Amino acid sequence: MFWFTLLLACSDSPQQKTSPKEPTAQNTPKKEPTKDAVKTASKKDTQTAAKTETTTQTGSETTTETATKTETETATKTETETKTATKTETETKTATKTETETKTDVKAEEKAVVKAEEKQVETTTEATTETKPPAKTSHYSVGSNNSSLSIRVYKGDTLAKGLAHNHLVLAKGWSGKISWHPTDASKCKVSISVPVSKLSVDPPRARKSAGFKGEVSEGQRKDIKKNMLAKGQLNAAAHKNITFESSSCDGTSGTVNVKGTFTLRGKSRNISIPLKVKLEPKFSAKASFNIKATDYGFKPYSAAFGAVKNKNKMKIKARFKP
């Protein structure tokens, strides 16, 4: 039984295969390298060293090339930036120059336009001068219907001057003619005739316009006119008109001295009257001058033994608006 069991146990166990023995250091004999092997190994070492050197050199060259490339790129970038800056500066200068030239051109054009306009104006003026007819003397009719003529009589400095008045004598029914040349004052002529009997004493509106104070009643106005036309004053019964006839004119177109003969109460005197003339919008003129009663043969009016008396000087004013 024991042997049977042992047999079964041996049959059930796997057979162990015998492996060939591995050579060991102890059982393997040490071989000396041959001459060819040494050469081969030396050659390999040389190649490896050469390769390593080549690799090192290549890496160095690569690093150098990379550095050079980086430096080149940096230099190129710097150069590009410099060129860009230079280009920008050039463009700015060009733009500034263009703007300056444009302004210069605009100014030149403006000057050319102004010059052309001035030339056109000159041409137009010349054409107008050439086509404008020559100036001629104009003749105007004046009178109480379109103009005014008055005599201002002033009260004297007497004891009773508070009871007296300044008087405004307005000419009515008068007429006259004025000849006027726009560029030659010497060709002017003035002729005026005032009927003495139609002189109006102290009309209320005229007094107010003249700035005379105080009112004169209708009865006073009649008495004053009667005294004014009496023989000792203007002597209207013997001397019907007050007249002026010009003999010459001189001066500028604005103010002309009109010389002529003034006749009052039958007495004539040569006087000079300053005449101010305006041509725009149409012809008009005005004059103001003084005369003395004693120059024309009569004394200033007085009453109440000289307590009320007029001044010797009288002022004549005229406005002509034909």
C-alpha atoms as a PDB file:
ATOM      1  CA  MET A   1       0.000   0.000   0.000  1.00  0.00           C
ATOM      2  CA  PHE A   2       2.759   2.278   0.810  1.00  0.00           C
ATOM      3  CA  TRP A   3       4.525   1.677  -2.430  1.00  0.00           C
ATOM      4  CA  PHE A   4       1.307   2.028  -4.328  1.00  0.00           C
ATOM      5  CA  THR A   5       0.627   5.322  -2.733  1.00  0.00           C
ATOM      6  CA  LEU A   6       4.145   6.452  -3.359  1.00  0.00           C
ATOM      7  CA  LEU A   7       3.861   5.431  -6.949  1.00  0.00           C
ATOM      8  CA  LEU A   8       0.694   7.418  -7.377  1.00  0.00           C
ATOM      9  CA  ALA A   9       2.311  10.401  -5.826  1.00  0.00           C
ATOM     10  CA  CYS A  10       5.216  10.214  -8.173  1.00  0.00           C
ATOM     11  CA  SER A  11       2.981   9.784 -11.195  1.00  0.00           C
ATOM     12  CA  ASP A  12       0.867  12.789 -10.190  1.00  0.00           C
ATOM     13  CA  SER A  13       3.949  15.135  -9.830  1.00  0.00           C
ATOM     14  CA  PRO A  14       5.133  16.993 -13.033  1.00  0.00           C
ATOM     15  CA  GLN A  15       8.356  15.942 -14.413  1.00  0.00           C
ATOM     16  CA  GLN A  16      11.110  18.394 -14.000  1.00  0.00           C
ATOM     17  CA  LYS A  17      12.931  19.181 -17.216  1.00  0.00           C
ATOM     18  CA  THR A  18      16.572  19.590 -17.038  1.00  0.00           C
ATOM     19  CA  SER A  19      17.707  22.923 -18.397  1.00  0.00           C
ATOM     20  CA  PRO A  20      21.095  23.365 -19.936  1.00  0.00           C
ATOM     21  CA  LYS A  21      23.450  24.989 -17.521  1.00  0.00           C
ATOM     22  CA  GLU A  22      23.965  28.774 -17.887  1.00  0.00           C
ATOM     23  CA  PRO A  23      27.543  29.682 -18.290  1.00  0.00           C
ATOM     24  CA  THR A  24      28.808  31.603 -15.307  1.00  0.00           C
ATOM     25  CA  ALA A  25      31.749  33.652 -14.571  1.00  0.00           C
ATOM     26  CA  GLN A  26      33.162  30.831 -12.748  1.00  0.00           C
ATOM     27  CA  ASN A  27      32.627  28.211 -15.364  1.00  0.00           C
ATOM     28  CA  THR A  28      33.165  30.449 -18.460  1.00  0.00           C
ATOM     29  CA  PRO A  29      36.742  30.900 -19.438  1.00  0.00           C
ATOM     30  CA  LYS A  30      37.887  34.604 -19.850  1.00  0.00           C
ATOM     31  CA  LYS A  31      38.746  35.414 -23.429  1.00  0.00           C
ATOM     32  CA  GLU A  32      41.350  38.045 -24.366  1.00  0.00           C
ATOM     33  CA  PRO A  33      40.167  40.654 -27.032  1.00  0.00           C
ATOM     34  CA  THR A  34      41.698  40.149 -30.358  1.00  0.00           C
ATOM     35  CA  LYS A  35      43.623  42.772 -32.298  1.00  0.00           C
ATOM     36  CA  ASP A  36      40.761  43.286 -34.740  1.00  0.00           C
ATOM     37  CA  ALA A  37      38.296  43.718 -31.930  1.00  0.00           C
ATOM     38  CA  VAL A  38      40.490  46.363 -30.374  1.00  0.00           C
ATOM     39  CA  LYS A  39      40.722  48.237 -33.673  1.00  0.00           C
ATOM     40  CA  THR A  40      36.990  47.998 -34.174  1.00  0.00           C
ATOM     41  CA  ALA A  41      36.308  49.294 -30.673  1.00  0.00           C
ATOM     42  CA  SER A  42      38.827  52.069 -31.131  1.00  0.00           C
ATOM     43  CA  LYS A  43      37.256  52.990 -34.440  1.00  0.00           C
ATOM     44  CA  LYS A  44      33.817  53.038 -32.848  1.00  0.00           C
ATOM     45  CA  ASP A  45      35.092  55.225 -30.018  1.00  0.00           C
ATOM     46  CA  THR A  46      36.659  57.596 -32.547  1.00  0.00           C
ATOM     47  CA  GLN A  47      33.445  57.715 -34.568  1.00  0.00           C
ATOM     48  CA  THR A  48      31.435  58.264 -31.411  1.00  0.00           C
ATOM     49  CA  ALA A  49      33.758  61.069 -30.325  1.00  0.00           C
ATOM     50  CA  ALA A  50      33.691  62.552 -33.798  1.00  0.00           C
ATOM     51  CA  LYS A  51      29.915  62.293 -33.826  1.00  0.00           C
ATOM     52  CA  THR A  52      29.725  63.855 -30.394  1.00  0.00           C
ATOM     53  CA  GLU A  53      32.079  66.634 -31.526  1.00  0.00           C
ATOM     54  CA  THR A  54      30.065  67.047 -34.697  1.00  0.00           C
ATOM     55  CA  THR A  55      26.860  67.170 -32.656  1.00  0.00           C
ATOM     56  CA  THR A  56      28.425  69.648 -30.262  1.00  0.00           C
ATOM     57  CA  GLN A  57      29.736  71.718 -33.173  1.00  0.00           C
ATOM     58  CA  THR A  58      26.380  71.502 -34.899  1.00  0.00           C
ATOM     59  CA  GLY A  59      24.620  72.544 -31.701  1.00  0.00           C
ATOM     60  CA  SER A  60      27.064  75.416 -31.270  1.00  0.00           C
ATOM     61  CA  GLU A  61      26.596  76.438 -34.874  1.00  0.00           C
ATOM     62  CA  THR A  62      22.850  76.185 -34.446  1.00  0.00           C
ATOM     63  CA  THR A  63      23.023  78.315 -31.312  1.00  0.00           C
ATOM     64  CA  THR A  64      25.291  80.798 -33.123  1.00  0.00           C
ATOM     65  CA  GLU A  65      22.969  80.834 -36.131  1.00  0.00           C
ATOM     66  CA  THR A  66      19.975  81.316 -33.849  1.00  0.00           C
ATOM     67  CA  ALA A  67      21.730  84.153 -32.046  1.00  0.00           C
ATOM     68  CA  THR A  68      22.787  85.655 -35.363  1.00  0.00           C
ATOM     69  CA  LYS A  69      19.245  85.272 -36.690  1.00  0.00           C
ATOM     70  CA  THR A  70      17.835  86.884 -33.559  1.00  0.00           C
ATOM     71  CA  GLU A  71      20.347  89.716 -33.837  1.00  0.00           C
ATOM     72  CA  THR A  72      19.564  90.079 -37.543  1.00  0.00           C
ATOM     73  CA  GLU A  73      15.816  90.111 -36.838  1.00  0.00           C
ATOM     74  CA  THR A  74      16.365  92.691 -34.069  1.00  0.00           C
ATOM     75  CA  ALA A  75      18.492  94.839 -36.384  1.00  0.00           C
ATOM     76  CA  THR A  76      15.923  94.407 -39.152  1.00  0.00           C
ATOM     77  CA  LYS A  77      13.110  95.355 -36.756  1.00  0.00           C
ATOM     78  CA  THR A  78      15.054  98.384 -35.537  1.00  0.00           C
ATOM     79  CA  GLU A  79      15.796  99.372 -39.112  1.00  0.00           C
ATOM     80  CA  THR A  80      12.144  98.883 -40.032  1.00  0.00           C
ATOM     81  CA  GLU A  81      11.039 101.010 -37.068  1.00  0.00           C
ATOM     82  CA  THR A  82      13.599 103.655 -37.998  1.00  0.00           C
ATOM     83  CA  LYS A  83      12.367 103.623 -41.591  1.00  0.00           C
ATOM     84  CA  THR A  84       8.773 103.786 -40.364  1.00  0.00           C
ATOM     85  CA  ALA A  85       9.594 106.729 -38.074  1.00  0.00           C
ATOM     86  CA  THR A  86      11.490 108.418 -40.888  1.00  0.00           C
ATOM     87  CA  LYS A  87       8.621 107.742 -43.252  1.00  0.00           C
ATOM     88  CA  THR A  88       6.113 109.143 -40.718  1.00  0.00           C
ATOM     89  CA  GLU A  89       8.271 112.240 -40.194  1.00  0.00           C
ATOM     90  CA  THR A  90       8.634 112.637 -43.960  1.00  0.00           C
ATOM     91  CA  GLU A  91       4.896 112.230 -44.451  1.00  0.00           C
ATOM     92  CA  THR A  92       4.251 114.780 -41.649  1.00  0.00           C
ATOM     93  CA  LYS A  93       6.665 117.242 -43.243  1.00  0.00           C
ATOM     94  CA  THR A  94       5.079 116.542 -46.626  1.00  0.00           C
ATOM     95  CA  ALA A  95       1.584 117.084 -45.168  1.00  0.00           C
ATOM     96  CA  THR A  96       2.747 120.303 -43.490  1.00  0.00           C
ATOM     97  CA  LYS A  97       4.363 121.458 -46.712  1.00  0.00           C
ATOM     98  CA  THR A  98       1.236 120.523 -48.654  1.00  0.00           C
ATOM     99  CA  GLU A  99      -0.932 122.411 -46.149  1.00  0.00           C
ATOM    100  CA  THR A 100       1.368 125.433 -46.352  1.00  0.00           C
ATOM    101  CA  GLU A 101       1.344 125.278 -50.125  1.00  0.00           C
ATOM    102  CA  THR A 102      -2.447 124.897 -50.055  1.00  0.00           C
ATOM    103  CA  LYS A 103      -2.786 127.966 -47.803  1.00  0.00           C
ATOM    104  CA  THR A 104      -0.394 129.838 -50.053  1.00  0.00           C
ATOM    105  CA  ASP A 105      -2.417 128.788 -53.078  1.00  0.00           C
ATOM    106  CA  VAL A 106      -5.664 129.844 -51.351  1.00  0.00           C
ATOM    107  CA  LYS A 107      -4.172 133.241 -50.463  1.00  0.00           C
ATOM    108  CA  ALA A 108      -2.892 133.603 -53.995  1.00  0.00           C
ATOM    109  CA  GLU A 109      -6.323 132.723 -55.338  1.00  0.00           C
ATOM    110  CA  GLU A 110      -7.985 135.182 -52.965  1.00  0.00           C
ATOM    111  CA  LYS A 111      -5.571 137.910 -54.025  1.00  0.00           C
ATOM    112  CA  ALA A 112      -6.227 137.020 -57.643  1.00  0.00           C
ATOM    113  CA  VAL A 113     -10.003 137.227 -57.052  1.00  0.00           C
ATOM    114  CA  VAL A 114      -9.684 140.580 -55.251  1.00  0.00           C
ATOM    115  CA  LYS A 115      -7.439 141.891 -58.000  1.00  0.00           C
ATOM    116  CA  ALA A 116      -9.866 140.664 -60.643  1.00  0.00           C
ATOM    117  CA  GLU A 117     -12.766 142.331 -58.791  1.00  0.00           C
ATOM    118  CA  GLU A 118     -10.823 145.571 -58.468  1.00  0.00           C
ATOM    119  CA  LYS A 119      -9.983 145.429 -62.141  1.00  0.00           C
ATOM    120  CA  GLN A 120     -13.619 144.760 -62.933  1.00  0.00           C
ATOM    121  CA  VAL A 121     -14.654 147.718 -60.768  1.00  0.00           C
ATOM    122  CA  GLU A 122     -12.067 149.894 -62.502  1.00  0.00           C
ATOM    123  CA  THR A 123     -13.300 148.683 -65.870  1.00  0.00           C
ATOM    124  CA  THR A 124     -16.908 149.323 -64.850  1.00  0.00           C
ATOM    125  CA  THR A 125     -15.965 152.758 -63.511  1.00  0.00           C
ATOM    126  CA  GLU A 126     -14.132 153.573 -66.716  1.00  0.00           C
ATOM    127  CA  ALA A 127     -17.053 152.347 -68.760  1.00  0.00           C
ATOM    128  CA  THR A 128     -19.464 154.372 -66.603  1.00  0.00           C
ATOM    129  CA  THR A 129     -17.226 157.416 -66.887  1.00  0.00           C
ATOM    130  CA  GLU A 130     -17.044 156.986 -70.599  1.00  0.00           C
ATOM    131  CA  THR A 131     -20.773 156.463 -71.039  1.00  0.00           C
ATOM    132  CA  LYS A 132     -21.909 159.049 -68.450  1.00  0.00           C
ATOM    133  CA  PRO A 133     -23.154 162.204 -70.126  1.00  0.00           C
ATOM    134  CA  PRO A 134     -21.318 165.427 -69.312  1.00  0.00           C
ATOM    135  CA  ALA A 135     -22.635 167.369 -66.309  1.00  0.00           C
ATOM    136  CA  LYS A 136     -24.826 170.335 -67.076  1.00  0.00           C
ATOM    137  CA  THR A 137     -26.326 173.290 -65.250  1.00  0.00           C
ATOM    138  CA  SER A 138     -29.705 172.656 -63.620  1.00  0.00           C
ATOM    139  CA  HIS A 139     -32.309 175.365 -63.035  1.00  0.00           C
ATOM    140  CA  TYR A 140     -34.649 175.306 -60.038  1.00  0.00           C
ATOM    141  CA  SER A 141     -37.686 177.371 -59.161  1.00  0.00           C
ATOM    142  CA  VAL A 142     -38.074 178.265 -55.497  1.00  0.00           C
ATOM    143  CA  GLY A 143     -40.725 180.101 -53.533  1.00  0.00           C
ATOM    144  CA  SER A 144     -43.108 180.038 -50.618  1.00  0.00           C
ATOM    145  CA  ASN A 145     -44.763 176.886 -51.998  1.00  0.00           C
ATOM    146  CA  ASN A 146     -41.653 174.677 -51.574  1.00  0.00           C
ATOM    147  CA  SER A 147     -39.143 176.707 -49.539  1.00  0.00           C
ATOM    148  CA  SER A 148     -39.001 179.097 -46.595  1.00  0.00           C
ATOM    149  CA  LEU A 149     -37.588 182.599 -46.027  1.00  0.00           C
ATOM    150  CA  SER A 150     -37.835 184.582 -42.808  1.00  0.00           C
ATOM    151  CA  ILE A 151     -36.450 187.644 -40.998  1.00  0.00           C
ATOM    152  CA  ARG A 152     -35.704 187.536 -37.277  1.00  0.00           C
ATOM    153  CA  VAL A 153     -36.002 190.878 -35.478  1.00  0.00           C
ATOM    154  CA  TYR A 154     -34.658 191.002 -31.915  1.00  0.00           C
ATOM    155  CA  LYS A 155     -35.705 193.283 -29.051  1.00  0.00           C
ATOM    156  CA  GLY A 156     -33.089 195.658 -27.684  1.00  0.00           C
ATOM    157  CA  ASP A 157     -31.655 195.864 -24.184  1.00  0.00           C
ATOM    158  CA  THR A 158     -33.887 198.612 -22.806  1.00  0.00           C
ATOM    159  CA  LEU A 159     -35.626 199.333 -19.515  1.00  0.00           C
ATOM    160  CA  ALA A 160     -38.922 197.913 -20.755  1.00  0.00           C
ATOM    161  CA  LYS A 161     -37.486 194.948 -22.681  1.00  0.00           C
ATOM    162  CA  GLY A 162     -39.627 192.648 -20.513  1.00  0.00           C
ATOM    163  CA  LEU A 163     -42.688 194.101 -22.231  1.00  0.00           C
ATOM    164  CA  ALA A 164     -41.286 193.594 -25.722  1.00  0.00           C
ATOM    165  CA  HIS A 165     -40.921 190.501 -27.911  1.00  0.00           C
ATOM    166  CA  ASN A 166     -38.562 189.089 -30.462  1.00  0.00           C
ATOM    167  CA  HIS A 167     -40.407 188.915 -33.763  1.00  0.00           C
ATOM    168  CA  LEU A 168     -40.417 186.436 -36.587  1.00  0.00           C
ATOM    169  CA  VAL A 169     -41.354 187.940 -39.981  1.00  0.00           C
ATOM    170  CA  LEU A 170     -42.266 185.194 -42.475  1.00  0.00           C
ATOM    171  CA  ALA A 171     -42.091 185.929 -46.216  1.00  0.00           C
ATOM    172  CA  LYS A 172     -45.105 184.875 -48.232  1.00  0.00           C
ATOM    173  CA  GLY A 173     -45.854 185.000 -51.930  1.00  0.00           C
ATOM    174  CA  TRP A 174     -42.163 185.242 -52.774  1.00  0.00           C
ATOM    175  CA  SER A 175     -40.424 183.538 -55.683  1.00  0.00           C
ATOM    176  CA  GLY A 176     -36.963 182.939 -57.061  1.00  0.00           C
ATOM    177  CA  LYS A 177     -34.656 180.893 -59.293  1.00  0.00           C
ATOM    178  CA  ILE A 178     -31.448 179.002 -58.590  1.00  0.00           C
ATOM    179  CA  SER A 179     -29.085 177.698 -61.276  1.00  0.00           C
ATOM    180  CA  TRP A 180     -26.562 175.068 -60.208  1.00  0.00           C
ATOM    181  CA  HIS A 181     -23.770 173.126 -61.889  1.00  0.00           C
ATOM    182  CA  PRO A 182     -22.688 169.958 -59.970  1.00  0.00           C
ATOM    183  CA  THR A 183     -18.972 170.306 -60.754  1.00  0.00           C
ATOM    184  CA  ASP A 184     -18.564 174.042 -61.375  1.00  0.00           C
ATOM    185  CA  ALA A 185     -19.723 176.307 -58.547  1.00  0.00           C
ATOM    186  CA  SER A 186     -18.845 179.419 -60.543  1.00  0.00           C
ATOM    187  CA  LYS A 187     -21.865 178.764 -62.767  1.00  0.00           C
ATOM    188  CA  CYS A 188     -24.406 179.121 -59.954  1.00  0.00           C
ATOM    189  CA  LYS A 189     -26.988 181.930 -60.030  1.00  0.00           C
ATOM    190  CA  VAL A 190     -29.500 183.049 -57.403  1.00  0.00           C
ATOM    191  CA  SER A 191     -32.409 185.449 -57.881  1.00  0.00           C
ATOM    192  CA  ILE A 192     -34.984 186.193 -55.146  1.00  0.00           C
ATOM    193  CA  SER A 193     -37.894 188.658 -54.908  1.00  0.00           C
ATOM    194  CA  VAL A 194     -40.057 189.141 -51.794  1.00  0.00           C
ATOM    195  CA  PRO A 195     -43.202 191.355 -51.837  1.00  0.00           C
ATOM    196  CA  VAL A 196     -43.061 193.575 -48.757  1.00  0.00           C
ATOM    197  CA  SER A 197     -46.823 193.868 -48.370  1.00  0.00           C
ATOM    198  CA  LYS A 198     -47.144 190.058 -47.934  1.00  0.00           C
ATOM    199  CA  LEU A 199     -44.760 189.775 -45.018  1.00  0.00           C
ATOM    200  CA  SER A 200     -46.481 187.951 -42.132  1.00  0.00           C
ATOM    201  CA  VAL A 201     -45.623 188.970 -38.566  1.00  0.00           C
ATOM    202  CA  ASP A 202     -45.343 186.379 -35.787  1.00  0.00           C
ATOM    203  CA  PRO A 203     -47.441 183.463 -37.113  1.00  0.00           C
ATOM    204  CA  PRO A 204     -47.791 181.166 -34.071  1.00  0.00           C
ATOM    205  CA  ARG A 205     -46.374 178.003 -35.678  1.00  0.00           C
ATOM    206  CA  ALA A 206     -43.390 179.837 -37.173  1.00  0.00           C
ATOM    207  CA  ARG A 207     -42.588 181.491 -33.823  1.00  0.00           C
ATOM    208  CA  LYS A 208     -42.627 178.115 -32.117  1.00  0.00           C
ATOM    209  CA  SER A 209     -40.359 176.553 -34.776  1.00  0.00           C
ATOM    210  CA  ALA A 210     -37.916 179.450 -34.362  1.00  0.00           C
ATOM    211  CA  GLY A 211     -37.803 178.860 -30.617  1.00  0.00           C
ATOM    212  CA  PHE A 212     -39.303 182.252 -29.740  1.00  0.00           C
ATOM    213  CA  LYS A 213     -40.959 182.380 -26.343  1.00  0.00           C
ATOM    214  CA  GLY A 214     -44.190 184.140 -25.476  1.00  0.00           C
ATOM    215  CA  GLU A 215     -47.352 184.577 -27.452  1.00  0.00           C
ATOM    216  CA  VAL A 216     -48.344 187.538 -29.561  1.00  0.00           C
ATOM    217  CA  SER A 217     -52.046 188.249 -29.832  1.00  0.00           C
ATOM    218  CA  GLU A 218     -53.802 188.843 -33.111  1.00  0.00           C
ATOM    219  CA  GLY A 219     -54.302 192.531 -32.257  1.00  0.00           C
ATOM    220  CA  GLN A 220     -50.602 192.943 -31.442  1.00  0.00           C
ATOM    221  CA  ARG A 221     -49.634 191.247 -34.693  1.00  0.00           C
ATOM    222  CA  LYS A 222     -51.703 193.784 -36.688  1.00  0.00           C
ATOM    223  CA  ASP A 223     -50.166 196.729 -34.894  1.00  0.00           C
ATOM    224  CA  ILE A 224     -46.640 195.375 -35.387  1.00  0.00           C
ATOM    225  CA  LYS A 225     -47.190 194.843 -39.107  1.00  0.00           C
ATOM    226  CA  LYS A 226     -48.621 198.350 -39.513  1.00  0.00           C
ATOM    227  CA  ASN A 227     -45.567 199.874 -37.844  1.00  0.00           C
ATOM    228  CA  MET A 228     -43.230 197.671 -39.892  1.00  0.00           C
ATOM    229  CA  LEU A 229     -44.677 198.796 -43.260  1.00  0.00           C
ATOM    230  CA  ALA A 230     -44.818 202.491 -42.307  1.00  0.00           C
ATOM    231  CA  LYS A 231     -42.856 205.208 -44.099  1.00  0.00           C
ATOM    232  CA  GLY A 232     -40.255 205.446 -41.335  1.00  0.00           C
ATOM    233  CA  GLN A 233     -39.552 201.676 -41.552  1.00  0.00           C
ATOM    234  CA  LEU A 234     -39.805 199.564 -44.732  1.00  0.00           C
ATOM    235  CA  ASN A 235     -41.921 202.152 -46.556  1.00  0.00           C
ATOM    236  CA  ALA A 236     -43.888 199.480 -48.425  1.00  0.00           C
ATOM    237  CA  ALA A 237     -45.889 202.063 -50.369  1.00  0.00           C
ATOM    238  CA  ALA A 238     -42.708 203.299 -52.073  1.00  0.00           C
ATOM    239  CA  HIS A 239     -40.622 200.116 -52.136  1.00  0.00           C
ATOM    240  CA  LYS A 240     -42.641 197.117 -53.121  1.00  0.00           C
ATOM    241  CA  ASN A 241     -40.026 194.349 -52.993  1.00  0.00           C
ATOM    242  CA  ILE A 242     -36.952 193.108 -51.223  1.00  0.00           C
ATOM    243  CA  THR A 243     -34.603 191.508 -53.748  1.00  0.00           C
ATOM    244  CA  PHE A 244     -31.301 189.734 -54.193  1.00  0.00           C
ATOM    245  CA  GLU A 245     -29.420 189.168 -57.436  1.00  0.00           C
ATOM    246  CA  SER A 246     -26.191 187.148 -57.497  1.00  0.00           C
ATOM    247  CA  SER A 247     -23.194 188.340 -59.490  1.00  0.00           C
ATOM    248  CA  SER A 248     -20.732 185.484 -58.898  1.00  0.00           C
ATOM    249  CA  CYS A 249     -20.182 182.277 -56.943  1.00  0.00           C
ATOM    250  CA  ASP A 250     -17.039 180.643 -55.686  1.00  0.00           C
ATOM    251  CA  GLY A 251     -16.050 177.848 -53.347  1.00  0.00           C
ATOM    252  CA  THR A 252     -16.589 174.109 -53.101  1.00  0.00           C
ATOM    253  CA  SER A 253     -19.712 172.210 -53.994  1.00  0.00           C
ATOM    254  CA  GLY A 254     -20.544 171.892 -50.285  1.00  0.00           C
ATOM    255  CA  THR A 255     -20.378 175.576 -49.363  1.00  0.00           C
ATOM    256  CA  VAL A 256     -20.459 178.362 -51.897  1.00  0.00           C
ATOM    257  CA  ASN A 257     -20.030 182.090 -51.331  1.00  0.00           C
ATOM    258  CA  VAL A 258     -22.694 183.781 -53.386  1.00  0.00           C
ATOM    259  CA  LYS A 259     -21.854 187.415 -54.033  1.00  0.00           C
ATOM    260  CA  GLY A 260     -24.546 189.779 -55.189  1.00  0.00           C
ATOM    261  CA  THR A 261     -26.729 192.838 -54.615  1.00  0.00           C
ATOM    262  CA  PHE A 262     -29.247 192.945 -51.808  1.00  0.00           C
ATOM    263  CA  THR A 263     -31.911 195.657 -52.072  1.00  0.00           C
ATOM    264  CA  LEU A 264     -34.120 196.756 -49.203  1.00  0.00           C
ATOM    265  CA  ARG A 265     -36.246 199.931 -48.920  1.00  0.00           C
ATOM    266  CA  GLY A 266     -34.738 201.142 -52.166  1.00  0.00           C
ATOM    267  CA  LYS A 267     -31.157 200.839 -50.887  1.00  0.00           C
ATOM    268  CA  SER A 268     -28.793 198.340 -52.512  1.00  0.00           C
ATOM    269  CA  ARG A 269     -25.626 196.872 -51.052  1.00  0.00           C
ATOM    270  CA  ASN A 270     -23.160 194.262 -52.253  1.00  0.00           C
ATOM    271  CA  ILE A 271     -23.036 191.368 -49.843  1.00  0.00           C
ATOM    272  CA  SER A 272     -21.741 187.820 -49.741  1.00  0.00           C
ATOM    273  CA  ILE A 273     -24.100 185.027 -48.674  1.00  0.00           C
ATOM    274  CA  PRO A 274     -22.772 181.572 -47.629  1.00  0.00           C
ATOM    275  CA  LEU A 275     -24.890 178.958 -49.393  1.00  0.00           C
ATOM    276  CA  LYS A 276     -24.688 175.329 -48.248  1.00  0.00           C
ATOM    277  CA  VAL A 277     -25.691 172.936 -51.007  1.00  0.00           C
ATOM    278  CA  LYS A 278     -26.666 169.251 -50.942  1.00  0.00           C
ATOM    279  CA  LEU A 279     -27.154 167.203 -54.098  1.00  0.00           C
ATOM    280  CA  GLU A 280     -28.368 163.922 -52.557  1.00  0.00           C
ATOM    281  CA  PRO A 281     -31.001 162.643 -52.649  1.00  0.00           C
ATOM    282  CA  LYS A 282     -31.872 165.767 -54.584  1.00  0.00           C
ATOM    283  CA  PHE A 283     -30.831 169.394 -54.739  1.00  0.00           C
ATOM    284  CA  SER A 284     -31.391 171.496 -51.611  1.00  0.00           C
ATOM    285  CA  ALA A 285     -29.688 174.546 -50.137  1.00  0.00           C
ATOM    286  CA  LYS A 286     -29.809 176.808 -47.116  1.00  0.00           C
ATOM    287  CA  ALA A 287     -28.440 180.244 -46.237  1.00  0.00           C
ATOM    288  CA  SER A 288     -28.157 182.455 -43.171  1.00  0.00           C
ATOM    289  CA  PHE A 289     -26.833 186.041 -43.060  1.00  0.00           C
ATOM    290  CA  ASN A 290     -27.206 189.281 -41.132  1.00  0.00           C
ATOM    291  CA  ILE A 291     -28.174 192.792 -42.209  1.00  0.00           C
ATOM    292  CA  LYS A 292     -28.409 196.130 -40.382  1.00  0.00           C
ATOM    293  CA  ALA A 293     -31.385 198.503 -40.594  1.00  0.00           C
ATOM    294  CA  THR A 294     -29.129 201.535 -40.742  1.00  0.00           C
ATOM    295  CA  ASP A 295     -27.367 200.118 -43.812  1.00  0.00           C
ATOM    296  CA  TYR A 296     -30.661 200.448 -45.711  1.00  0.00           C
ATOM    297  CA  GLY A 297     -31.706 203.948 -44.633  1.00  0.00           C
ATOM    298  CA  PHE A 298     -33.872 203.492 -41.540  1.00  0.00           C
ATOM    299  CA  LYS A 299     -33.514 203.288 -37.780  1.00  0.00           C
ATOM    300  CA  PRO A 300     -34.675 200.305 -35.698  1.00  0.00           C
ATOM    301  CA  TYR A 301     -38.278 200.647 -34.473  1.00  0.00           C
ATOM    302  CA  SER A 302     -38.753 202.141 -30.988  1.00  0.00           C
ATOM    303  CA  ALA A 303     -41.721 203.231 -28.841  1.00  0.00           C
ATOM    304  CA  ALA A 304     -42.530 204.826 -25.473  1.00  0.00           C
ATOM    305  CA  PHE A 305     -39.677 207.259 -25.888  1.00  0.00           C
ATOM    306  CA  GLY A 306     -37.199 204.443 -26.480  1.00  0.00           C
ATOM    307  CA  ALA A 307     -38.383 202.236 -23.616  1.00  0.00           C
ATOM    308  CA  VAL A 308     -39.201 199.550 -26.215  1.00  0.00           C
ATOM    309  CA  LYS A 309     -36.781 199.228 -29.080  1.00  0.00           C
ATOM    310  CA  ASN A 310     -35.512 196.698 -31.670  1.00  0.00           C
ATOM    311  CA  LYS A 311     -31.864 195.871 -32.301  1.00  0.00           C
ATOM    312  CA  ASN A 312     -30.159 197.247 -35.369  1.00  0.00           C
ATOM    313  CA  LYS A 313     -29.093 193.778 -36.524  1.00  0.00           C
ATOM    314  CA  MET A 314     -31.549 191.410 -38.180  1.00  0.00           C
ATOM    315  CA  LYS A 315     -31.006 187.838 -39.343  1.00  0.00           C
ATOM    316  CA  ILE A 316     -32.356 186.431 -42.603  1.00  0.00           C
ATOM    317  CA  LYS A 317     -32.671 182.664 -43.050  1.00  0.00           C
ATOM    318  CA  ALA A 318     -33.643 180.739 -46.130  1.00  0.00           C
ATOM    319  CA  ARG A 319     -34.164 177.067 -46.979  1.00  0.00           C
ATOM    320  CA  PHE A 320     -34.527 176.079 -50.620  1.00  0.00           C
ATOM    321  CA  LYS A 321     -36.132 172.743 -51.498  1.00  0.00           C
ATOM    322  CA  PRO A 322     -37.199 172.854 -55.132  1.00  0.00           C
END
